[in-house]
Amino acid sequence: MAEVLLLPPTFGELLRRLRQGRGVSREKLAVGAGMSVSYLTHLERGERGRPTRAVVENLVRCLDGIRELPCPDRRHLFDLAGIREADAPSVERLRTETTADMRHGLALRLPHAAGYFDARWYLLAGNAAVGALFPGLREGDNILHWLFGDERARRALLDWDRAAALSVAGLRGRIGRLRAGEHFAGLLAELGRYPEFRVLWGRGEVTYFHEPPRLRFRDADGGSVRALDFHIYDVDSGSYPGWVHFFGAGPAPE
């Protein structure tokens, strides 16, 4: 049997497949996307450098107008072009993408706290144990606002200083990974009213949570203290890669 050479995906190969799957000619797609036929031909053949954001957005708009472009194909086009989609998802949009199966998975982790949060530290979903661990924090709330602005955070977290420093460093890291600093300007302005946040932000520290942070919590009754390891992972599914993260808290080994 002859050896078959398999090649990695390219922007041009995917673009050609999506165009042909819609039964549209290069001429029609080029006109609809506002470019020359020769330029589109070069893109499909991989004879040009990576296209600009405007070019990809015009192609996506045109392809979607012919027949709905599935989210995975849309994302793959931007990924292969080396471009992140420009629009930042709203908290409400990300919460709607938290499916029933995802929530069921959080419930299965009880009695341990588990949830999903976005790159701006908004709590998208959490199981019943999250409310007990973070008193006063509700779905849709911003965890950093809770941490710096709610006195219950300081009572619940014995390691408040360390948790605050890690959270701010994690926010800085996510802004860098998403290359979307303009979408965080409003949040930074809000958080800037907390003097301790301003000090921590000024340090310029960054973390990507490669090691699970260990934090000590005081039970709501003010009695026993628990040390918990927090495992934090990116959720690389859905329409907005890089924007959603999972956390799960488990008892720290003795």
Protein backbone atom coordinates (compact mmCIF):
# COMPACT_ATOMS: atom_id res chain seq x y z
CA MET A 1 0.00 0.00 0.00
CA ALA A 2 1.34 3.39 -1.00
CA GLU A 3 2.16 5.72 1.85
CA VAL A 4 -0.32 8.56 2.21
CA LEU A 5 1.14 11.92 3.16
CA LEU A 6 -1.09 13.70 5.65
CA LEU A 7 -0.66 17.44 5.98
CA PRO A 8 -1.56 19.79 8.84
CA PRO A 9 -4.55 22.10 8.33
CA THR A 10 -4.00 25.48 6.73
CA PHE A 11 -6.11 28.59 6.41
CA GLY A 12 -6.30 28.22 2.63
CA GLU A 13 -7.33 24.55 2.75
CA LEU A 14 -10.13 25.27 5.23
CA LEU A 15 -11.30 28.31 3.28
CA ARG A 16 -11.47 26.30 0.06
CA ARG A 17 -13.39 23.48 1.77
CA LEU A 18 -15.93 25.89 3.28
CA ARG A 19 -16.39 27.67 -0.05
CA GLN A 20 -16.82 24.47 -2.04
CA GLY A 21 -19.14 23.01 0.60
CA ARG A 22 -21.47 25.95 -0.04
CA GLY A 23 -21.30 25.51 -3.79
CA VAL A 24 -20.02 29.03 -4.35
CA SER A 25 -17.39 30.05 -6.91
CA ARG A 26 -14.25 31.97 -6.10
CA GLU A 27 -15.63 34.88 -8.12
CA LYS A 28 -18.82 35.10 -6.06
CA LEU A 29 -17.03 34.77 -2.71
CA ALA A 30 -14.41 37.33 -3.71
CA VAL A 31 -17.04 39.88 -4.74
CA GLY A 32 -19.07 39.28 -1.58
CA ALA A 33 -16.00 39.63 0.65
CA GLY A 34 -14.74 42.74 -1.17
CA MET A 35 -11.50 41.37 -2.61
CA SER A 36 -10.04 40.38 -5.96
CA VAL A 37 -10.37 36.86 -7.32
CA SER A 38 -6.60 36.62 -7.65
CA TYR A 39 -6.10 37.49 -3.96
CA LEU A 40 -8.65 34.87 -2.90
CA THR A 41 -6.91 32.32 -5.13
CA HIS A 42 -3.57 33.12 -3.50
CA LEU A 43 -5.14 32.72 -0.03
CA GLU A 44 -6.57 29.30 -0.86
CA ARG A 45 -3.24 28.15 -2.29
CA GLY A 46 -1.29 29.46 0.68
CA GLU A 47 0.74 31.78 -1.53
CA ARG A 48 0.29 34.84 0.67
CA GLY A 49 1.10 35.58 4.28
CA ARG A 50 -1.54 35.43 6.95
CA PRO A 51 -4.61 37.53 6.14
CA THR A 52 -5.60 40.55 8.19
CA ARG A 53 -8.47 40.55 10.66
CA ALA A 54 -10.62 42.58 8.24
CA VAL A 55 -10.09 40.01 5.48
CA VAL A 56 -11.04 37.08 7.72
CA GLU A 57 -14.09 38.90 9.10
CA ASN A 58 -15.30 39.69 5.57
CA LEU A 59 -14.87 36.08 4.48
CA VAL A 60 -16.67 34.81 7.58
CA ARG A 61 -19.55 37.24 7.03
CA CYS A 62 -19.93 36.18 3.40
CA LEU A 63 -19.69 32.44 4.09
CA ASP A 64 -22.15 32.75 6.96
CA GLY A 65 -24.58 34.62 4.70
CA ILE A 66 -24.59 31.76 2.20
CA ARG A 67 -25.08 29.09 4.88
CA GLU A 68 -24.62 29.38 8.62
CA LEU A 69 -20.98 28.92 9.58
CA PRO A 70 -20.67 26.59 12.59
CA CYS A 71 -18.79 27.99 15.58
CA PRO A 72 -15.94 25.41 15.33
CA ASP A 73 -15.28 26.31 11.68
CA ARG A 74 -15.41 30.04 12.45
CA ARG A 75 -12.98 29.61 15.32
CA HIS A 76 -10.69 27.41 13.22
CA LEU A 77 -10.47 30.05 10.49
CA PHE A 78 -9.38 32.70 12.98
CA ASP A 79 -6.95 30.30 14.69
CA LEU A 80 -5.28 29.31 11.39
CA ALA A 81 -4.98 32.98 10.49
CA GLY A 82 -3.27 33.61 13.83
CA ILE A 83 -6.00 36.02 14.91
CA ARG A 84 -8.17 36.07 17.99
CA GLU A 85 -11.74 37.19 17.43
CA ALA A 86 -12.14 40.85 18.28
CA ASP A 87 -15.33 40.85 20.33
CA ALA A 88 -15.09 40.04 24.01
CA PRO A 89 -17.97 37.84 25.20
CA SER A 90 -20.32 39.32 27.74
CA VAL A 91 -20.73 37.62 31.10
CA GLU A 92 -24.34 36.89 30.19
CA ARG A 93 -23.28 35.18 26.94
CA LEU A 94 -20.75 33.01 28.72
CA ARG A 95 -23.29 32.06 31.38
CA THR A 96 -25.73 30.91 28.68
CA GLU A 97 -22.98 28.66 27.31
CA THR A 98 -22.66 26.95 30.69
CA THR A 99 -24.67 23.88 29.74
CA ALA A 100 -26.79 21.60 31.90
CA ASP A 101 -24.12 18.91 31.56
CA MET A 102 -21.47 21.32 32.84
CA ARG A 103 -23.63 22.18 35.84
CA HIS A 104 -24.30 18.51 36.46
CA GLY A 105 -20.54 17.95 36.54
CA LEU A 106 -20.20 20.64 39.20
CA ALA A 107 -22.91 18.98 41.30
CA LEU A 108 -21.06 15.66 41.11
CA ARG A 109 -18.08 17.29 42.84
CA LEU A 110 -20.05 17.99 46.01
CA PRO A 111 -19.29 18.28 48.89
CA HIS A 112 -16.27 20.06 47.40
CA ALA A 113 -16.58 23.50 45.81
CA ALA A 114 -16.29 23.73 42.02
CA GLY A 115 -17.29 26.27 39.42
CA TYR A 116 -16.56 28.15 36.23
CA PHE A 117 -15.29 31.72 35.94
CA ASP A 118 -14.30 33.90 33.03
CA ALA A 119 -11.00 35.63 32.26
CA ARG A 120 -12.24 38.75 34.06
CA TRP A 121 -12.92 36.73 37.24
CA TYR A 122 -16.72 36.72 36.96
CA LEU A 123 -18.32 33.64 38.51
CA LEU A 124 -20.30 31.98 35.72
CA ALA A 125 -21.56 28.96 37.64
CA GLY A 126 -20.85 27.25 40.93
CA ASN A 127 -22.17 24.34 42.92
CA ALA A 128 -23.78 24.67 46.35
CA ALA A 129 -20.44 24.44 48.15
CA VAL A 130 -19.15 27.61 46.47
CA GLY A 131 -21.60 29.78 48.38
CA ALA A 132 -20.50 28.30 51.68
CA LEU A 133 -16.82 28.73 50.89
CA PHE A 134 -17.19 32.26 49.50
CA PRO A 135 -19.96 33.85 51.60
CA GLY A 136 -21.87 36.53 49.72
CA LEU A 137 -20.51 35.58 46.28
CA ARG A 138 -23.24 34.78 43.76
CA GLU A 139 -23.24 33.67 40.14
CA GLY A 140 -22.62 36.66 37.88
CA ASP A 141 -20.61 38.47 40.58
CA ASN A 142 -16.99 39.43 40.07
CA ILE A 143 -14.67 37.46 42.34
CA LEU A 144 -12.13 40.28 42.57
CA HIS A 145 -14.78 42.78 43.63
CA TRP A 146 -15.84 40.28 46.30
CA LEU A 147 -12.26 39.68 47.37
CA PHE A 148 -11.31 43.35 47.75
CA GLY A 149 -14.68 44.90 48.58
CA ASP A 150 -16.53 42.43 50.80
CA GLU A 151 -15.45 42.11 54.44
CA ARG A 152 -16.74 38.53 54.44
CA ALA A 153 -13.87 37.62 52.15
CA ARG A 154 -11.29 38.61 54.75
CA ARG A 155 -13.11 36.68 57.48
CA ALA A 156 -13.44 33.54 55.36
CA LEU A 157 -9.90 33.54 53.91
CA LEU A 158 -7.10 33.18 56.42
CA ASP A 159 -4.66 33.56 53.53
CA TRP A 160 -6.36 36.66 52.15
CA ASP A 161 -3.08 38.41 51.27
CA ARG A 162 -1.83 35.45 49.23
CA ALA A 163 -5.21 34.89 47.55
CA ALA A 164 -5.38 38.57 46.57
CA ALA A 165 -1.85 38.57 45.12
CA LEU A 166 -2.46 35.37 43.13
CA SER A 167 -5.78 36.61 41.80
CA VAL A 168 -4.31 39.89 40.54
CA ALA A 169 -1.32 38.09 39.01
CA GLY A 170 -3.71 35.66 37.33
CA LEU A 171 -5.73 38.52 35.84
CA ARG A 172 -2.56 40.03 34.37
CA GLY A 173 -1.61 36.67 32.87
CA ARG A 174 -4.99 36.20 31.21
CA ILE A 175 -4.95 39.66 29.69
CA GLY A 176 -1.61 38.83 28.11
CA ARG A 177 -2.73 35.45 26.78
CA LEU A 178 -5.89 36.86 25.23
CA ARG A 179 -4.11 39.92 23.81
CA ALA A 180 -7.31 41.80 24.58
CA GLY A 181 -6.27 44.49 27.02
CA GLU A 182 -8.85 46.94 25.65
CA HIS A 183 -11.63 44.66 26.91
CA PHE A 184 -10.30 44.84 30.47
CA ALA A 185 -9.95 48.63 30.74
CA GLY A 186 -13.35 49.13 32.35
CA LEU A 187 -12.80 46.38 34.91
CA LEU A 188 -9.36 47.73 35.82
CA ALA A 189 -10.87 51.19 36.32
CA GLU A 190 -13.45 49.70 38.69
CA LEU A 191 -10.89 47.67 40.64
CA GLY A 192 -8.56 50.64 40.82
CA ARG A 193 -10.69 52.15 43.55
CA TYR A 194 -9.35 49.52 45.96
CA PRO A 195 -5.96 50.72 47.30
CA GLU A 196 -4.72 47.15 47.86
CA PHE A 197 -5.56 46.20 44.28
CA ARG A 198 -3.60 49.21 42.99
CA VAL A 199 -0.56 48.16 45.03
CA LEU A 200 -0.69 44.57 43.80
CA TRP A 201 -1.26 45.62 40.19
CA GLY A 202 1.73 47.91 40.41
CA ARG A 203 4.00 44.99 41.28
CA GLY A 204 3.54 43.56 37.77
CA GLU A 205 3.48 39.95 38.99
CA VAL A 206 2.07 37.24 36.69
CA THR A 207 0.89 33.67 37.31
CA TYR A 208 -0.68 30.99 35.14
CA PHE A 209 -1.67 28.66 38.01
CA HIS A 210 0.52 25.78 36.86
CA GLU A 211 0.66 24.66 40.49
CA PRO A 212 -2.58 24.47 42.52
CA PRO A 213 -2.64 27.25 45.11
CA ARG A 214 -3.22 26.10 48.70
CA LEU A 215 -5.39 28.41 50.78
CA ARG A 216 -6.84 28.19 54.28
CA PHE A 217 -10.53 28.89 54.88
CA ARG A 218 -12.45 29.40 58.09
CA ASP A 219 -15.85 27.69 58.27
CA ALA A 220 -18.92 29.89 58.32
CA ASP A 221 -19.47 29.14 62.00
CA GLY A 222 -16.10 30.74 62.73
CA GLY A 223 -14.67 27.50 64.06
CA SER A 224 -12.62 24.95 62.17
CA VAL A 225 -10.06 25.83 59.52
CA ARG A 226 -9.62 23.90 56.27
CA ALA A 227 -6.65 23.94 53.92
CA LEU A 228 -7.76 23.50 50.31
CA ASP A 229 -5.87 23.01 47.06
CA PHE A 230 -7.40 24.90 44.12
CA HIS A 231 -7.04 23.27 40.71
CA ILE A 232 -7.61 25.74 37.86
CA TYR A 233 -7.88 24.71 34.21
CA ASP A 234 -8.69 26.43 30.94
CA VAL A 235 -11.93 25.27 29.30
CA ASP A 236 -10.91 25.10 25.65
CA SER A 237 -14.37 24.46 24.27
CA GLY A 238 -17.33 26.56 23.29
CA SER A 239 -17.32 29.68 21.18
CA TYR A 240 -14.73 31.69 23.15
CA PRO A 241 -11.47 29.82 23.74
CA GLY A 242 -9.34 31.25 26.50
CA TRP A 243 -12.20 33.07 28.19
CA VAL A 244 -13.60 30.34 30.45
CA HIS A 245 -11.84 28.55 33.31
CA PHE A 246 -12.75 25.80 35.75
CA PHE A 247 -11.81 25.65 39.41
CA GLY A 248 -12.16 22.83 41.87
CA ALA A 249 -11.25 22.90 45.56
CA GLY A 250 -10.14 19.76 47.35
CA PRO A 251 -8.73 18.99 50.81
CA ALA A 252 -4.98 19.55 50.96
CA PRO A 253 -2.98 16.43 51.84
CA GLU A 254 -1.79 16.29 55.41
